[in-house]
Amino acid sequence: MAEEPAAEVQVLRRQKATLIEILSADADFVLQHADARCLLSPHGYQQVKSCRIPSEKVRDLLDHVIQRGPEAAQGLLDLLKEQALQETYPMLCFVKDVQVETLCSGGKDVSRKRKAPELQNIVPTKQICSKGCGLVKERQLMSVARSIGRSWREIGRLALDISSVKLEQIEEDHSLHVERVFSMLRYWRTRQRGKATAAHLHSLLSQEDWALPPESLESLLETD
């Protein structure tokens, strides 16, 4: 009779579809963090890295970690609970409530008892994050993008908290400067979800160290 998968592996398998949906927002960010923790083999890392489609990249990452067994699976679960990952992917908050139980002496995996609570935690999280009222508009993002110069990478890293890996990817994908900055701002809006209001962006870009001229942010103060 085939041995039943470890509890950590079963948790990842149960949440696989949800994790793919969430982590695809920035597949490279979670990949680099997973590699830093040696959760993938060198060959596995290269395979996952070579994938260009975010959802497939996350899928391959999860499959590779699952195949490596319970230690790697637990390492990924611990990683997803860290502050950097929680801030980058707000919908990951449900992972904090996931606890992997150890096998009892009878060999039965008691982690199954936590399946229902885990899934219950996902639903309200999606409902909250999907409201997105007051999102900054694309024309406002383009207006701001035109006013950001060579310091766009610094603004992306320090003001918008976007990883260097993502900024490099944006730079490779767009040849025009304004399109790079616009793509960066759109990515920030996508990641922030319901928090991506014009007022929030105005506040971030008005900070002292990298403050943009007030006139360049006027579009963010429009009321219509």
N, C-alpha and C. Protein backbone atom coordinates (compact mmCIF):
# COMPACT_ATOMS: atom_id res chain seq x y z
N MET A 1 0.85 -1.20 0.00
CA MET A 1 0.00 0.00 0.00
C MET A 1 0.88 1.25 0.00
N ALA A 2 0.58 2.23 -0.87
CA ALA A 2 1.41 3.43 -0.99
C ALA A 2 1.34 4.27 0.28
N GLU A 3 2.49 4.83 0.66
CA GLU A 3 2.56 5.65 1.86
C GLU A 3 1.86 6.98 1.63
N GLU A 4 1.09 7.42 2.61
CA GLU A 4 0.34 8.67 2.48
C GLU A 4 1.29 9.86 2.56
N PRO A 5 1.11 10.90 1.73
CA PRO A 5 2.01 12.06 1.75
C PRO A 5 2.04 12.72 3.12
N ALA A 6 3.16 13.35 3.43
CA ALA A 6 3.32 14.04 4.71
C ALA A 6 2.33 15.20 4.82
N ALA A 7 2.07 15.60 6.07
CA ALA A 7 1.07 16.64 6.32
C ALA A 7 1.41 17.95 5.62
N GLU A 8 2.71 18.34 5.65
CA GLU A 8 3.11 19.59 5.02
C GLU A 8 2.83 19.57 3.52
N VAL A 9 3.10 18.43 2.90
CA VAL A 9 2.87 18.29 1.46
C VAL A 9 1.38 18.36 1.15
N GLN A 10 0.56 17.74 1.98
CA GLN A 10 -0.88 17.76 1.75
C GLN A 10 -1.44 19.17 1.86
N VAL A 11 -0.92 19.96 2.78
CA VAL A 11 -1.38 21.34 2.93
C VAL A 11 -1.10 22.13 1.65
N LEU A 12 0.10 22.00 1.12
CA LEU A 12 0.45 22.71 -0.12
C LEU A 12 -0.43 22.25 -1.28
N ARG A 13 -0.68 20.96 -1.35
CA ARG A 13 -1.53 20.44 -2.43
C ARG A 13 -2.95 20.99 -2.33
N ARG A 14 -3.49 21.04 -1.13
CA ARG A 14 -4.85 21.54 -0.96
C ARG A 14 -4.97 23.01 -1.35
N GLN A 15 -3.92 23.78 -1.07
CA GLN A 15 -3.97 25.22 -1.31
C GLN A 15 -3.30 25.61 -2.64
N LYS A 16 -2.94 24.63 -3.43
CA LYS A 16 -2.16 24.89 -4.64
C LYS A 16 -2.84 25.89 -5.59
N ALA A 17 -4.10 25.66 -5.91
CA ALA A 17 -4.80 26.54 -6.85
C ALA A 17 -4.87 27.97 -6.31
N THR A 18 -5.14 28.11 -5.03
CA THR A 18 -5.23 29.45 -4.42
C THR A 18 -3.86 30.13 -4.43
N LEU A 19 -2.81 29.38 -4.10
CA LEU A 19 -1.47 29.96 -4.07
C LEU A 19 -1.02 30.38 -5.47
N ILE A 20 -1.37 29.61 -6.47
CA ILE A 20 -1.02 29.98 -7.85
C ILE A 20 -1.67 31.31 -8.21
N GLU A 21 -2.94 31.44 -7.86
CA GLU A 21 -3.67 32.68 -8.16
C GLU A 21 -3.04 33.89 -7.47
N ILE A 22 -2.64 33.73 -6.21
CA ILE A 22 -2.10 34.84 -5.44
C ILE A 22 -0.67 35.19 -5.84
N LEU A 23 0.19 34.17 -5.90
CA LEU A 23 1.62 34.39 -6.13
C LEU A 23 1.95 34.79 -7.56
N SER A 24 1.02 34.54 -8.48
CA SER A 24 1.27 34.91 -9.88
C SER A 24 1.37 36.41 -10.08
N ALA A 25 0.92 37.18 -9.09
CA ALA A 25 1.03 38.65 -9.18
C ALA A 25 2.49 39.08 -9.29
N ASP A 26 3.39 38.31 -8.69
CA ASP A 26 4.84 38.56 -8.82
C ASP A 26 5.57 37.25 -8.59
N ALA A 27 5.59 36.42 -9.63
CA ALA A 27 6.15 35.08 -9.53
C ALA A 27 7.65 35.11 -9.23
N ASP A 28 8.36 36.08 -9.78
CA ASP A 28 9.81 36.14 -9.58
C ASP A 28 10.17 36.46 -8.13
N PHE A 29 9.34 37.24 -7.47
CA PHE A 29 9.63 37.63 -6.09
C PHE A 29 9.65 36.40 -5.18
N VAL A 30 8.61 35.58 -5.25
CA VAL A 30 8.57 34.39 -4.40
C VAL A 30 9.62 33.38 -4.82
N LEU A 31 9.92 33.31 -6.12
CA LEU A 31 10.95 32.38 -6.60
C LEU A 31 12.31 32.72 -6.01
N GLN A 32 12.67 34.00 -6.03
CA GLN A 32 13.97 34.40 -5.50
C GLN A 32 14.07 34.15 -3.99
N HIS A 33 13.00 34.38 -3.28
CA HIS A 33 13.00 34.12 -1.84
C HIS A 33 13.10 32.61 -1.56
N ALA A 34 12.41 31.82 -2.36
CA ALA A 34 12.47 30.37 -2.19
C ALA A 34 13.87 29.85 -2.50
N ASP A 35 14.49 30.41 -3.51
CA ASP A 35 15.86 29.99 -3.86
C ASP A 35 16.84 30.39 -2.77
N ALA A 36 16.64 31.56 -2.17
CA ALA A 36 17.52 32.01 -1.10
C ALA A 36 17.47 31.07 0.10
N ARG A 37 16.35 30.39 0.26
CA ARG A 37 16.20 29.43 1.36
C ARG A 37 16.57 28.00 0.94
N CYS A 38 17.06 27.88 -0.29
CA CYS A 38 17.47 26.56 -0.82
C CYS A 38 16.32 25.57 -0.83
N LEU A 39 15.11 26.07 -1.15
CA LEU A 39 13.95 25.19 -1.21
C LEU A 39 13.87 24.45 -2.54
N LEU A 40 14.70 24.88 -3.51
CA LEU A 40 14.73 24.22 -4.80
C LEU A 40 16.14 23.72 -5.08
N SER A 41 16.25 22.67 -5.86
CA SER A 41 17.56 22.21 -6.31
C SER A 41 18.05 23.20 -7.37
N PRO A 42 19.37 23.27 -7.61
CA PRO A 42 19.88 24.17 -8.65
C PRO A 42 19.23 23.91 -10.01
N HIS A 43 19.05 22.66 -10.36
CA HIS A 43 18.41 22.33 -11.63
C HIS A 43 16.95 22.75 -11.63
N GLY A 44 16.27 22.51 -10.51
CA GLY A 44 14.87 22.90 -10.40
C GLY A 44 14.70 24.40 -10.50
N TYR A 45 15.61 25.15 -9.89
CA TYR A 45 15.54 26.61 -9.94
C TYR A 45 15.65 27.10 -11.37
N GLN A 46 16.58 26.55 -12.13
CA GLN A 46 16.76 26.97 -13.52
C GLN A 46 15.53 26.64 -14.36
N GLN A 47 14.92 25.49 -14.09
CA GLN A 47 13.71 25.12 -14.82
C GLN A 47 12.58 26.09 -14.55
N VAL A 48 12.36 26.39 -13.28
CA VAL A 48 11.28 27.30 -12.91
C VAL A 48 11.57 28.71 -13.43
N LYS A 49 12.79 29.15 -13.31
CA LYS A 49 13.18 30.50 -13.73
C LYS A 49 12.96 30.70 -15.24
N SER A 50 13.17 29.66 -16.01
CA SER A 50 13.06 29.77 -17.47
C SER A 50 11.62 29.93 -17.96
N CYS A 51 10.66 29.64 -17.10
CA CYS A 51 9.26 29.75 -17.50
C CYS A 51 8.86 31.23 -17.55
N ARG A 52 8.23 31.66 -18.63
CA ARG A 52 7.90 33.07 -18.83
C ARG A 52 6.49 33.44 -18.38
N ILE A 53 5.61 32.45 -18.21
CA ILE A 53 4.23 32.71 -17.82
C ILE A 53 4.14 32.63 -16.29
N PRO A 54 3.76 33.74 -15.60
CA PRO A 54 3.76 33.77 -14.14
C PRO A 54 3.01 32.62 -13.47
N SER A 55 1.80 32.31 -13.94
CA SER A 55 1.02 31.25 -13.29
C SER A 55 1.70 29.89 -13.43
N GLU A 56 2.31 29.65 -14.58
CA GLU A 56 3.02 28.38 -14.78
C GLU A 56 4.31 28.34 -13.97
N LYS A 57 4.93 29.49 -13.81
CA LYS A 57 6.15 29.56 -13.00
C LYS A 57 5.84 29.21 -11.54
N VAL A 58 4.75 29.75 -11.02
CA VAL A 58 4.35 29.45 -9.64
C VAL A 58 3.94 27.99 -9.52
N ARG A 59 3.21 27.49 -10.51
CA ARG A 59 2.81 26.08 -10.49
C ARG A 59 4.03 25.17 -10.44
N ASP A 60 5.03 25.45 -11.27
CA ASP A 60 6.23 24.62 -11.31
C ASP A 60 7.01 24.73 -10.00
N LEU A 61 7.02 25.93 -9.43
CA LEU A 61 7.69 26.12 -8.14
C LEU A 61 7.05 25.25 -7.06
N LEU A 62 5.72 25.30 -6.98
CA LEU A 62 5.01 24.50 -5.99
C LEU A 62 5.22 23.00 -6.23
N ASP A 63 5.16 22.58 -7.48
CA ASP A 63 5.36 21.17 -7.80
C ASP A 63 6.75 20.71 -7.39
N HIS A 64 7.74 21.55 -7.65
CA HIS A 64 9.11 21.18 -7.31
C HIS A 64 9.29 21.05 -5.79
N VAL A 65 8.72 22.01 -5.06
CA VAL A 65 8.84 21.96 -3.59
C VAL A 65 8.11 20.74 -3.05
N ILE A 66 6.93 20.45 -3.58
CA ILE A 66 6.16 19.28 -3.13
C ILE A 66 6.94 18.00 -3.38
N GLN A 67 7.58 17.92 -4.53
CA GLN A 67 8.35 16.72 -4.86
C GLN A 67 9.57 16.53 -3.96
N ARG A 68 10.07 17.63 -3.42
CA ARG A 68 11.25 17.54 -2.55
C ARG A 68 10.91 17.04 -1.14
N GLY A 69 9.61 17.00 -0.82
CA GLY A 69 9.21 16.40 0.44
C GLY A 69 8.81 17.35 1.54
N PRO A 70 8.54 16.82 2.74
CA PRO A 70 7.99 17.61 3.84
C PRO A 70 8.88 18.74 4.32
N GLU A 71 10.19 18.55 4.30
CA GLU A 71 11.08 19.60 4.80
C GLU A 71 11.00 20.84 3.92
N ALA A 72 11.03 20.64 2.60
CA ALA A 72 10.92 21.76 1.67
C ALA A 72 9.53 22.38 1.73
N ALA A 73 8.51 21.54 1.86
CA ALA A 73 7.13 22.04 1.94
C ALA A 73 6.94 22.92 3.17
N GLN A 74 7.48 22.47 4.32
CA GLN A 74 7.38 23.26 5.54
C GLN A 74 8.17 24.55 5.40
N GLY A 75 9.31 24.49 4.70
CA GLY A 75 10.11 25.69 4.48
C GLY A 75 9.35 26.73 3.67
N LEU A 76 8.61 26.27 2.67
CA LEU A 76 7.82 27.21 1.86
C LEU A 76 6.67 27.80 2.67
N LEU A 77 6.01 26.97 3.47
CA LEU A 77 4.93 27.48 4.31
C LEU A 77 5.44 28.54 5.28
N ASP A 78 6.61 28.30 5.85
CA ASP A 78 7.21 29.29 6.76
C ASP A 78 7.55 30.58 6.00
N LEU A 79 8.05 30.42 4.78
CA LEU A 79 8.39 31.59 3.97
C LEU A 79 7.16 32.44 3.68
N LEU A 80 6.05 31.79 3.35
CA LEU A 80 4.83 32.52 2.99
C LEU A 80 4.24 33.29 4.17
N LYS A 81 4.67 32.95 5.39
CA LYS A 81 4.17 33.65 6.57
C LYS A 81 5.02 34.86 6.93
N GLU A 82 6.17 35.02 6.26
CA GLU A 82 7.07 36.12 6.59
C GLU A 82 6.49 37.47 6.15
N GLN A 83 6.92 38.53 6.83
CA GLN A 83 6.36 39.86 6.60
C GLN A 83 6.53 40.32 5.15
N ALA A 84 7.71 40.08 4.57
CA ALA A 84 7.97 40.53 3.19
C ALA A 84 6.99 39.91 2.21
N LEU A 85 6.69 38.62 2.41
CA LEU A 85 5.74 37.94 1.52
C LEU A 85 4.32 38.38 1.81
N GLN A 86 3.99 38.57 3.07
CA GLN A 86 2.64 38.99 3.44
C GLN A 86 2.33 40.39 2.90
N GLU A 87 3.33 41.27 2.89
CA GLU A 87 3.12 42.63 2.38
C GLU A 87 3.03 42.64 0.86
N THR A 88 3.82 41.77 0.21
CA THR A 88 3.80 41.73 -1.25
C THR A 88 2.52 41.10 -1.78
N TYR A 89 2.02 40.08 -1.06
CA TYR A 89 0.80 39.37 -1.47
C TYR A 89 -0.21 39.45 -0.31
N PRO A 90 -1.00 40.53 -0.22
CA PRO A 90 -1.94 40.70 0.90
C PRO A 90 -2.89 39.53 1.10
N MET A 91 -3.26 38.84 0.02
CA MET A 91 -4.21 37.74 0.15
C MET A 91 -3.60 36.49 0.77
N LEU A 92 -2.30 36.54 1.08
CA LEU A 92 -1.64 35.41 1.75
C LEU A 92 -1.92 35.38 3.25
N CYS A 93 -2.69 36.33 3.75
CA CYS A 93 -2.90 36.40 5.19
C CYS A 93 -3.48 35.11 5.76
N PHE A 94 -4.20 34.34 4.94
CA PHE A 94 -4.81 33.10 5.44
C PHE A 94 -3.75 32.08 5.83
N VAL A 95 -2.54 32.19 5.25
CA VAL A 95 -1.50 31.20 5.52
C VAL A 95 -1.06 31.24 6.98
N LYS A 96 -1.19 32.42 7.60
CA LYS A 96 -0.79 32.53 9.01
C LYS A 96 -1.58 31.60 9.91
N ASP A 97 -2.79 31.27 9.50
CA ASP A 97 -3.66 30.42 10.32
C ASP A 97 -3.49 28.94 10.01
N VAL A 98 -2.67 28.63 9.00
CA VAL A 98 -2.46 27.23 8.63
C VAL A 98 -1.40 26.63 9.54
N GLN A 99 -1.76 25.60 10.25
CA GLN A 99 -0.84 24.90 11.13
C GLN A 99 -0.79 23.43 10.73
N VAL A 100 0.43 22.96 10.51
CA VAL A 100 0.60 21.57 10.11
C VAL A 100 0.76 20.70 11.34
N GLU A 101 -0.13 19.75 11.51
CA GLU A 101 -0.06 18.82 12.63
C GLU A 101 0.89 17.68 12.29
N THR A 102 1.54 17.16 13.29
CA THR A 102 2.42 16.01 13.09
C THR A 102 1.60 14.74 13.08
N LEU A 103 2.19 13.69 12.55
CA LEU A 103 1.50 12.42 12.48
C LEU A 103 1.37 11.82 13.87
N CYS A 104 0.21 11.26 14.14
CA CYS A 104 0.00 10.63 15.43
C CYS A 104 0.62 9.23 15.40
N SER A 105 0.69 8.58 16.56
CA SER A 105 1.36 7.29 16.66
C SER A 105 0.69 6.23 15.80
N GLY A 106 -0.59 6.43 15.50
CA GLY A 106 -1.30 5.44 14.70
C GLY A 106 -1.05 5.60 13.22
N GLY A 107 -0.29 6.66 12.83
CA GLY A 107 0.07 6.84 11.43
C GLY A 107 -0.95 7.60 10.62
N LYS A 108 -1.99 8.15 11.28
CA LYS A 108 -3.01 8.89 10.55
C LYS A 108 -2.68 10.38 10.56
N ASP A 109 -2.89 11.01 9.47
CA ASP A 109 -2.55 12.42 9.31
C ASP A 109 -3.68 13.29 9.86
N VAL A 110 -3.47 13.82 11.08
CA VAL A 110 -4.53 14.60 11.73
C VAL A 110 -4.62 16.01 11.16
N SER A 111 -3.73 16.38 10.25
CA SER A 111 -3.81 17.72 9.67
C SER A 111 -5.08 17.89 8.84
N ARG A 112 -5.71 16.78 8.48
CA ARG A 112 -6.94 16.86 7.70
C ARG A 112 -8.02 17.61 8.46
N LYS A 113 -7.95 17.58 9.78
CA LYS A 113 -8.96 18.24 10.60
C LYS A 113 -8.96 19.75 10.38
N ARG A 114 -7.85 20.29 9.84
CA ARG A 114 -7.75 21.73 9.68
C ARG A 114 -8.17 22.18 8.29
N LYS A 115 -8.57 21.26 7.45
CA LYS A 115 -8.88 21.61 6.06
C LYS A 115 -10.03 22.63 5.97
N ALA A 116 -11.11 22.38 6.67
CA ALA A 116 -12.25 23.28 6.58
C ALA A 116 -11.93 24.69 7.09
N PRO A 117 -11.28 24.84 8.29
CA PRO A 117 -10.96 26.19 8.75
C PRO A 117 -10.07 26.94 7.78
N GLU A 118 -9.09 26.25 7.15
CA GLU A 118 -8.20 26.93 6.22
C GLU A 118 -8.99 27.53 5.07
N LEU A 119 -9.88 26.74 4.48
CA LEU A 119 -10.64 27.19 3.32
C LEU A 119 -11.62 28.28 3.71
N GLN A 120 -12.14 28.22 4.92
CA GLN A 120 -13.05 29.26 5.38
C GLN A 120 -12.34 30.61 5.47
N ASN A 121 -11.06 30.57 5.83
CA ASN A 121 -10.32 31.81 5.98
C ASN A 121 -10.05 32.49 4.64
N ILE A 122 -10.02 31.71 3.56
CA ILE A 122 -9.71 32.27 2.25
C ILE A 122 -10.85 33.13 1.73
N VAL A 123 -12.08 32.71 1.92
CA VAL A 123 -13.22 33.36 1.30
C VAL A 123 -13.37 34.82 1.71
N PRO A 124 -13.40 35.15 3.03
CA PRO A 124 -13.56 36.56 3.38
C PRO A 124 -12.38 37.40 2.92
N THR A 125 -11.17 36.82 2.88
CA THR A 125 -9.99 37.55 2.42
C THR A 125 -10.18 38.00 0.98
N LYS A 126 -10.68 37.12 0.11
CA LYS A 126 -10.90 37.47 -1.29
C LYS A 126 -11.98 38.54 -1.41
N GLN A 127 -13.02 38.41 -0.59
CA GLN A 127 -14.11 39.36 -0.68
C GLN A 127 -13.63 40.75 -0.29
N ILE A 128 -12.80 40.84 0.75
CA ILE A 128 -12.31 42.13 1.20
C ILE A 128 -11.40 42.77 0.15
N CYS A 129 -10.47 41.93 -0.40
CA CYS A 129 -9.48 42.46 -1.34
C CYS A 129 -10.06 42.78 -2.69
N SER A 130 -11.24 42.20 -3.03
CA SER A 130 -11.77 42.39 -4.36
C SER A 130 -12.65 43.64 -4.48
N LYS A 131 -12.96 44.28 -3.36
CA LYS A 131 -13.82 45.46 -3.42
C LYS A 131 -13.16 46.58 -4.23
N GLY A 132 -11.93 46.93 -3.86
CA GLY A 132 -11.11 47.85 -4.64
C GLY A 132 -11.74 49.21 -4.93
N CYS A 133 -12.56 49.76 -4.06
CA CYS A 133 -13.19 51.05 -4.33
C CYS A 133 -12.15 52.16 -4.28
N GLY A 134 -12.34 53.16 -5.16
CA GLY A 134 -11.44 54.30 -5.17
C GLY A 134 -10.07 54.05 -5.76
N LEU A 135 -9.94 53.06 -6.62
CA LEU A 135 -8.65 52.79 -7.23
C LEU A 135 -8.19 53.96 -8.10
N VAL A 136 -6.89 54.22 -8.10
CA VAL A 136 -6.33 55.25 -8.96
C VAL A 136 -6.55 54.84 -10.42
N LYS A 137 -6.89 55.81 -11.26
CA LYS A 137 -7.22 55.52 -12.66
C LYS A 137 -5.96 55.48 -13.52
N GLU A 138 -6.07 54.78 -14.67
CA GLU A 138 -4.91 54.62 -15.54
C GLU A 138 -4.44 55.96 -16.11
N ARG A 139 -5.36 56.85 -16.40
CA ARG A 139 -4.94 58.16 -16.94
C ARG A 139 -4.17 58.94 -15.88
N GLN A 140 -4.50 58.73 -14.60
CA GLN A 140 -3.74 59.38 -13.53
C GLN A 140 -2.34 58.77 -13.44
N LEU A 141 -2.26 57.45 -13.59
CA LEU A 141 -0.96 56.79 -13.56
C LEU A 141 -0.08 57.28 -14.70
N MET A 142 -0.65 57.43 -15.90
CA MET A 142 0.12 57.90 -17.04
C MET A 142 0.59 59.34 -16.83
N SER A 143 -0.26 60.15 -16.24
CA SER A 143 0.11 61.53 -15.96
C SER A 143 1.31 61.59 -15.01
N VAL A 144 1.28 60.76 -13.98
CA VAL A 144 2.38 60.71 -13.02
C VAL A 144 3.62 60.12 -13.69
N ALA A 145 3.43 59.10 -14.51
CA ALA A 145 4.56 58.43 -15.17
C ALA A 145 5.36 59.42 -16.00
N ARG A 146 4.69 60.36 -16.64
CA ARG A 146 5.38 61.34 -17.49
C ARG A 146 6.28 62.28 -16.69
N SER A 147 6.03 62.38 -15.39
CA SER A 147 6.79 63.32 -14.56
C SER A 147 7.94 62.66 -13.80
N ILE A 148 8.06 61.34 -13.89
CA ILE A 148 9.12 60.61 -13.18
C ILE A 148 10.29 60.38 -14.13
N GLY A 149 11.47 60.81 -13.71
CA GLY A 149 12.64 60.71 -14.57
C GLY A 149 13.51 59.50 -14.28
N ARG A 150 14.83 59.72 -14.29
CA ARG A 150 15.78 58.62 -14.16
C ARG A 150 15.75 57.93 -12.80
N SER A 151 15.15 58.59 -11.83
CA SER A 151 15.10 58.01 -10.48
C SER A 151 13.95 57.02 -10.32
N TRP A 152 13.36 56.55 -11.43
CA TRP A 152 12.17 55.71 -11.34
C TRP A 152 12.44 54.40 -10.59
N ARG A 153 13.64 53.84 -10.77
CA ARG A 153 13.95 52.58 -10.07
C ARG A 153 14.02 52.81 -8.56
N GLU A 154 14.65 53.92 -8.16
CA GLU A 154 14.74 54.25 -6.74
C GLU A 154 13.35 54.46 -6.14
N ILE A 155 12.50 55.16 -6.89
CA ILE A 155 11.13 55.38 -6.43
C ILE A 155 10.39 54.04 -6.32
N GLY A 156 10.62 53.18 -7.31
CA GLY A 156 9.96 51.87 -7.28
C GLY A 156 10.38 51.05 -6.07
N ARG A 157 11.68 51.05 -5.77
CA ARG A 157 12.17 50.24 -4.65
C ARG A 157 11.80 50.84 -3.31
N LEU A 158 12.04 52.15 -3.15
CA LEU A 158 11.90 52.78 -1.83
C LEU A 158 10.49 53.28 -1.54
N ALA A 159 9.85 53.90 -2.52
CA ALA A 159 8.52 54.47 -2.28
C ALA A 159 7.42 53.43 -2.46
N LEU A 160 7.56 52.60 -3.50
CA LEU A 160 6.49 51.65 -3.83
C LEU A 160 6.79 50.23 -3.37
N ASP A 161 7.98 50.01 -2.82
CA ASP A 161 8.35 48.71 -2.27
C ASP A 161 8.26 47.59 -3.32
N ILE A 162 8.80 47.86 -4.50
CA ILE A 162 8.82 46.87 -5.58
C ILE A 162 10.22 46.28 -5.66
N SER A 163 10.31 44.99 -5.83
CA SER A 163 11.60 44.31 -5.83
C SER A 163 12.44 44.69 -7.04
N SER A 164 13.76 44.62 -6.88
CA SER A 164 14.67 44.91 -7.98
C SER A 164 14.47 43.95 -9.14
N VAL A 165 14.15 42.71 -8.82
CA VAL A 165 13.91 41.71 -9.86
C VAL A 165 12.75 42.12 -10.74
N LYS A 166 11.67 42.59 -10.12
CA LYS A 166 10.49 43.02 -10.88
C LYS A 166 10.80 44.25 -11.72
N LEU A 167 11.58 45.18 -11.17
CA LEU A 167 11.93 46.38 -11.91
C LEU A 167 12.79 46.05 -13.13
N GLU A 168 13.68 45.09 -12.97
CA GLU A 168 14.51 44.65 -14.10
C GLU A 168 13.64 44.01 -15.18
N GLN A 169 12.66 43.25 -14.74
CA GLN A 169 11.75 42.61 -15.70
C GLN A 169 10.96 43.67 -16.47
N ILE A 170 10.50 44.69 -15.78
CA ILE A 170 9.75 45.77 -16.43
C ILE A 170 10.64 46.49 -17.44
N GLU A 171 11.89 46.71 -17.05
CA GLU A 171 12.82 47.40 -17.95
C GLU A 171 13.08 46.59 -19.22
N GLU A 172 13.15 45.27 -19.07
CA GLU A 172 13.36 44.40 -20.22
C GLU A 172 12.14 44.35 -21.14
N ASP A 173 10.95 44.43 -20.52
CA ASP A 173 9.72 44.29 -21.29
C ASP A 173 9.32 45.55 -22.05
N HIS A 174 9.85 46.73 -21.64
CA HIS A 174 9.44 47.99 -22.26
C HIS A 174 10.67 48.79 -22.65
N SER A 175 10.70 49.28 -23.87
CA SER A 175 11.84 50.05 -24.36
C SER A 175 11.70 51.54 -24.09
N LEU A 176 10.47 52.06 -24.04
CA LEU A 176 10.25 53.47 -23.78
C LEU A 176 10.21 53.75 -22.28
N HIS A 177 10.86 54.84 -21.88
CA HIS A 177 10.94 55.17 -20.46
C HIS A 177 9.56 55.35 -19.83
N VAL A 178 8.69 56.12 -20.48
CA VAL A 178 7.38 56.38 -19.89
C VAL A 178 6.57 55.10 -19.74
N GLU A 179 6.75 54.16 -20.66
CA GLU A 179 6.03 52.89 -20.56
C GLU A 179 6.56 52.06 -19.40
N ARG A 180 7.85 52.15 -19.13
CA ARG A 180 8.43 51.44 -17.99
C ARG A 180 7.84 51.97 -16.68
N VAL A 181 7.80 53.30 -16.57
CA VAL A 181 7.28 53.91 -15.33
C VAL A 181 5.78 53.61 -15.19
N PHE A 182 5.05 53.71 -16.29
CA PHE A 182 3.62 53.42 -16.26
C PHE A 182 3.37 51.97 -15.85
N SER A 183 4.17 51.04 -16.39
CA SER A 183 4.04 49.62 -16.03
C SER A 183 4.35 49.41 -14.55
N MET A 184 5.34 50.12 -14.04
CA MET A 184 5.69 50.02 -12.62
C MET A 184 4.52 50.49 -11.75
N LEU A 185 3.91 51.60 -12.12
CA LEU A 185 2.78 52.13 -11.34
C LEU A 185 1.56 51.21 -11.43
N ARG A 186 1.33 50.63 -12.60
CA ARG A 186 0.22 49.69 -12.76
C ARG A 186 0.45 48.44 -11.91
N TYR A 187 1.69 47.99 -11.87
CA TYR A 187 2.02 46.83 -11.04
C TYR A 187 1.76 47.14 -9.57
N TRP A 188 2.15 48.34 -9.13
CA TRP A 188 1.88 48.75 -7.75
C TRP A 188 0.38 48.72 -7.48
N ARG A 189 -0.41 49.26 -8.42
CA ARG A 189 -1.86 49.29 -8.24
C ARG A 189 -2.43 47.88 -8.15
N THR A 190 -1.95 46.98 -9.01
CA THR A 190 -2.44 45.60 -8.99
C THR A 190 -2.11 44.92 -7.67
N ARG A 191 -0.91 45.14 -7.18
CA ARG A 191 -0.48 44.50 -5.94
C ARG A 191 -1.20 45.06 -4.72
N GLN A 192 -1.45 46.35 -4.73
CA GLN A 192 -2.11 46.99 -3.60
C GLN A 192 -3.60 46.70 -3.52
N ARG A 193 -4.19 46.35 -4.67
CA ARG A 193 -5.61 46.01 -4.73
C ARG A 193 -6.47 47.15 -4.15
N GLY A 194 -7.25 46.89 -3.14
CA GLY A 194 -8.17 47.89 -2.60
C GLY A 194 -7.49 49.08 -1.94
N LYS A 195 -6.21 48.99 -1.67
CA LYS A 195 -5.47 50.09 -1.04
C LYS A 195 -4.88 51.05 -2.06
N ALA A 196 -5.01 50.71 -3.35
CA ALA A 196 -4.36 51.52 -4.40
C ALA A 196 -5.19 52.74 -4.77
N THR A 197 -5.42 53.58 -3.81
CA THR A 197 -6.17 54.81 -4.07
C THR A 197 -5.22 55.91 -4.54
N ALA A 198 -5.78 56.93 -5.18
CA ALA A 198 -4.98 58.06 -5.63
C ALA A 198 -4.33 58.76 -4.45
N ALA A 199 -5.07 58.85 -3.34
CA ALA A 199 -4.53 59.51 -2.14
C ALA A 199 -3.34 58.74 -1.58
N HIS A 200 -3.44 57.42 -1.61
CA HIS A 200 -2.34 56.60 -1.10
C HIS A 200 -1.09 56.80 -1.95
N LEU A 201 -1.26 56.76 -3.27
CA LEU A 201 -0.11 56.95 -4.17
C LEU A 201 0.47 58.35 -4.01
N HIS A 202 -0.39 59.34 -3.87
CA HIS A 202 0.06 60.72 -3.66
C HIS A 202 0.91 60.82 -2.40
N SER A 203 0.48 60.15 -1.35
CA SER A 203 1.21 60.17 -0.09
C SER A 203 2.60 59.55 -0.25
N LEU A 204 2.67 58.42 -0.97
CA LEU A 204 3.95 57.73 -1.15
C LEU A 204 4.92 58.55 -1.98
N LEU A 205 4.41 59.20 -3.02
CA LEU A 205 5.29 59.94 -3.93
C LEU A 205 5.60 61.34 -3.43
N SER A 206 5.00 61.73 -2.32
CA SER A 206 5.24 63.07 -1.76
C SER A 206 6.24 63.03 -0.61
N GLN A 207 6.77 61.85 -0.31
CA GLN A 207 7.70 61.74 0.81
C GLN A 207 8.99 62.49 0.51
N GLU A 208 9.63 62.95 1.54
CA GLU A 208 10.74 63.90 1.42
C GLU A 208 11.91 63.40 0.57
N ASP A 209 12.36 62.19 0.76
CA ASP A 209 13.57 61.70 0.10
C ASP A 209 13.46 61.68 -1.42
N TRP A 210 12.28 61.41 -1.94
CA TRP A 210 12.13 61.30 -3.40
C TRP A 210 10.90 62.10 -3.88
N ALA A 211 10.52 63.10 -3.13
CA ALA A 211 9.30 63.85 -3.42
C ALA A 211 9.30 64.41 -4.84
N LEU A 212 8.20 64.17 -5.54
CA LEU A 212 8.03 64.72 -6.88
C LEU A 212 7.45 66.12 -6.77
N PRO A 213 7.65 66.97 -7.76
CA PRO A 213 7.06 68.32 -7.75
C PRO A 213 5.55 68.24 -7.55
N PRO A 214 4.99 69.09 -6.71
CA PRO A 214 3.55 69.03 -6.44
C PRO A 214 2.69 69.07 -7.70
N GLU A 215 3.13 69.87 -8.70
CA GLU A 215 2.34 69.97 -9.92
C GLU A 215 2.26 68.66 -10.70
N SER A 216 3.27 67.79 -10.51
CA SER A 216 3.26 66.53 -11.22
C SER A 216 2.30 65.52 -10.59
N LEU A 217 1.83 65.83 -9.39
CA LEU A 217 0.93 64.92 -8.69
C LEU A 217 -0.51 65.46 -8.64
N GLU A 218 -0.74 66.58 -9.33
CA GLU A 218 -2.07 67.20 -9.26
C GLU A 218 -3.17 66.28 -9.75
N SER A 219 -2.86 65.43 -10.74
CA SER A 219 -3.89 64.53 -11.28
C SER A 219 -4.40 63.57 -10.21
N LEU A 220 -3.58 63.29 -9.20
CA LEU A 220 -3.98 62.36 -8.14
C LEU A 220 -4.96 63.00 -7.16
N LEU A 221 -5.10 64.30 -7.24
CA LEU A 221 -6.01 65.00 -6.33
C LEU A 221 -7.34 65.33 -6.97
N GLU A 222 -7.55 64.86 -8.19
CA GLU A 222 -8.82 65.11 -8.88
C GLU A 222 -9.95 64.41 -8.14
N THR A 223 -11.09 65.04 -8.11
CA THR A 223 -12.23 64.48 -7.37
C THR A 223 -13.17 63.68 -8.24
N ASP A 224 -13.11 63.86 -9.58
CA ASP A 224 -14.06 63.16 -10.45
C ASP A 224 -13.52 61.79 -10.84
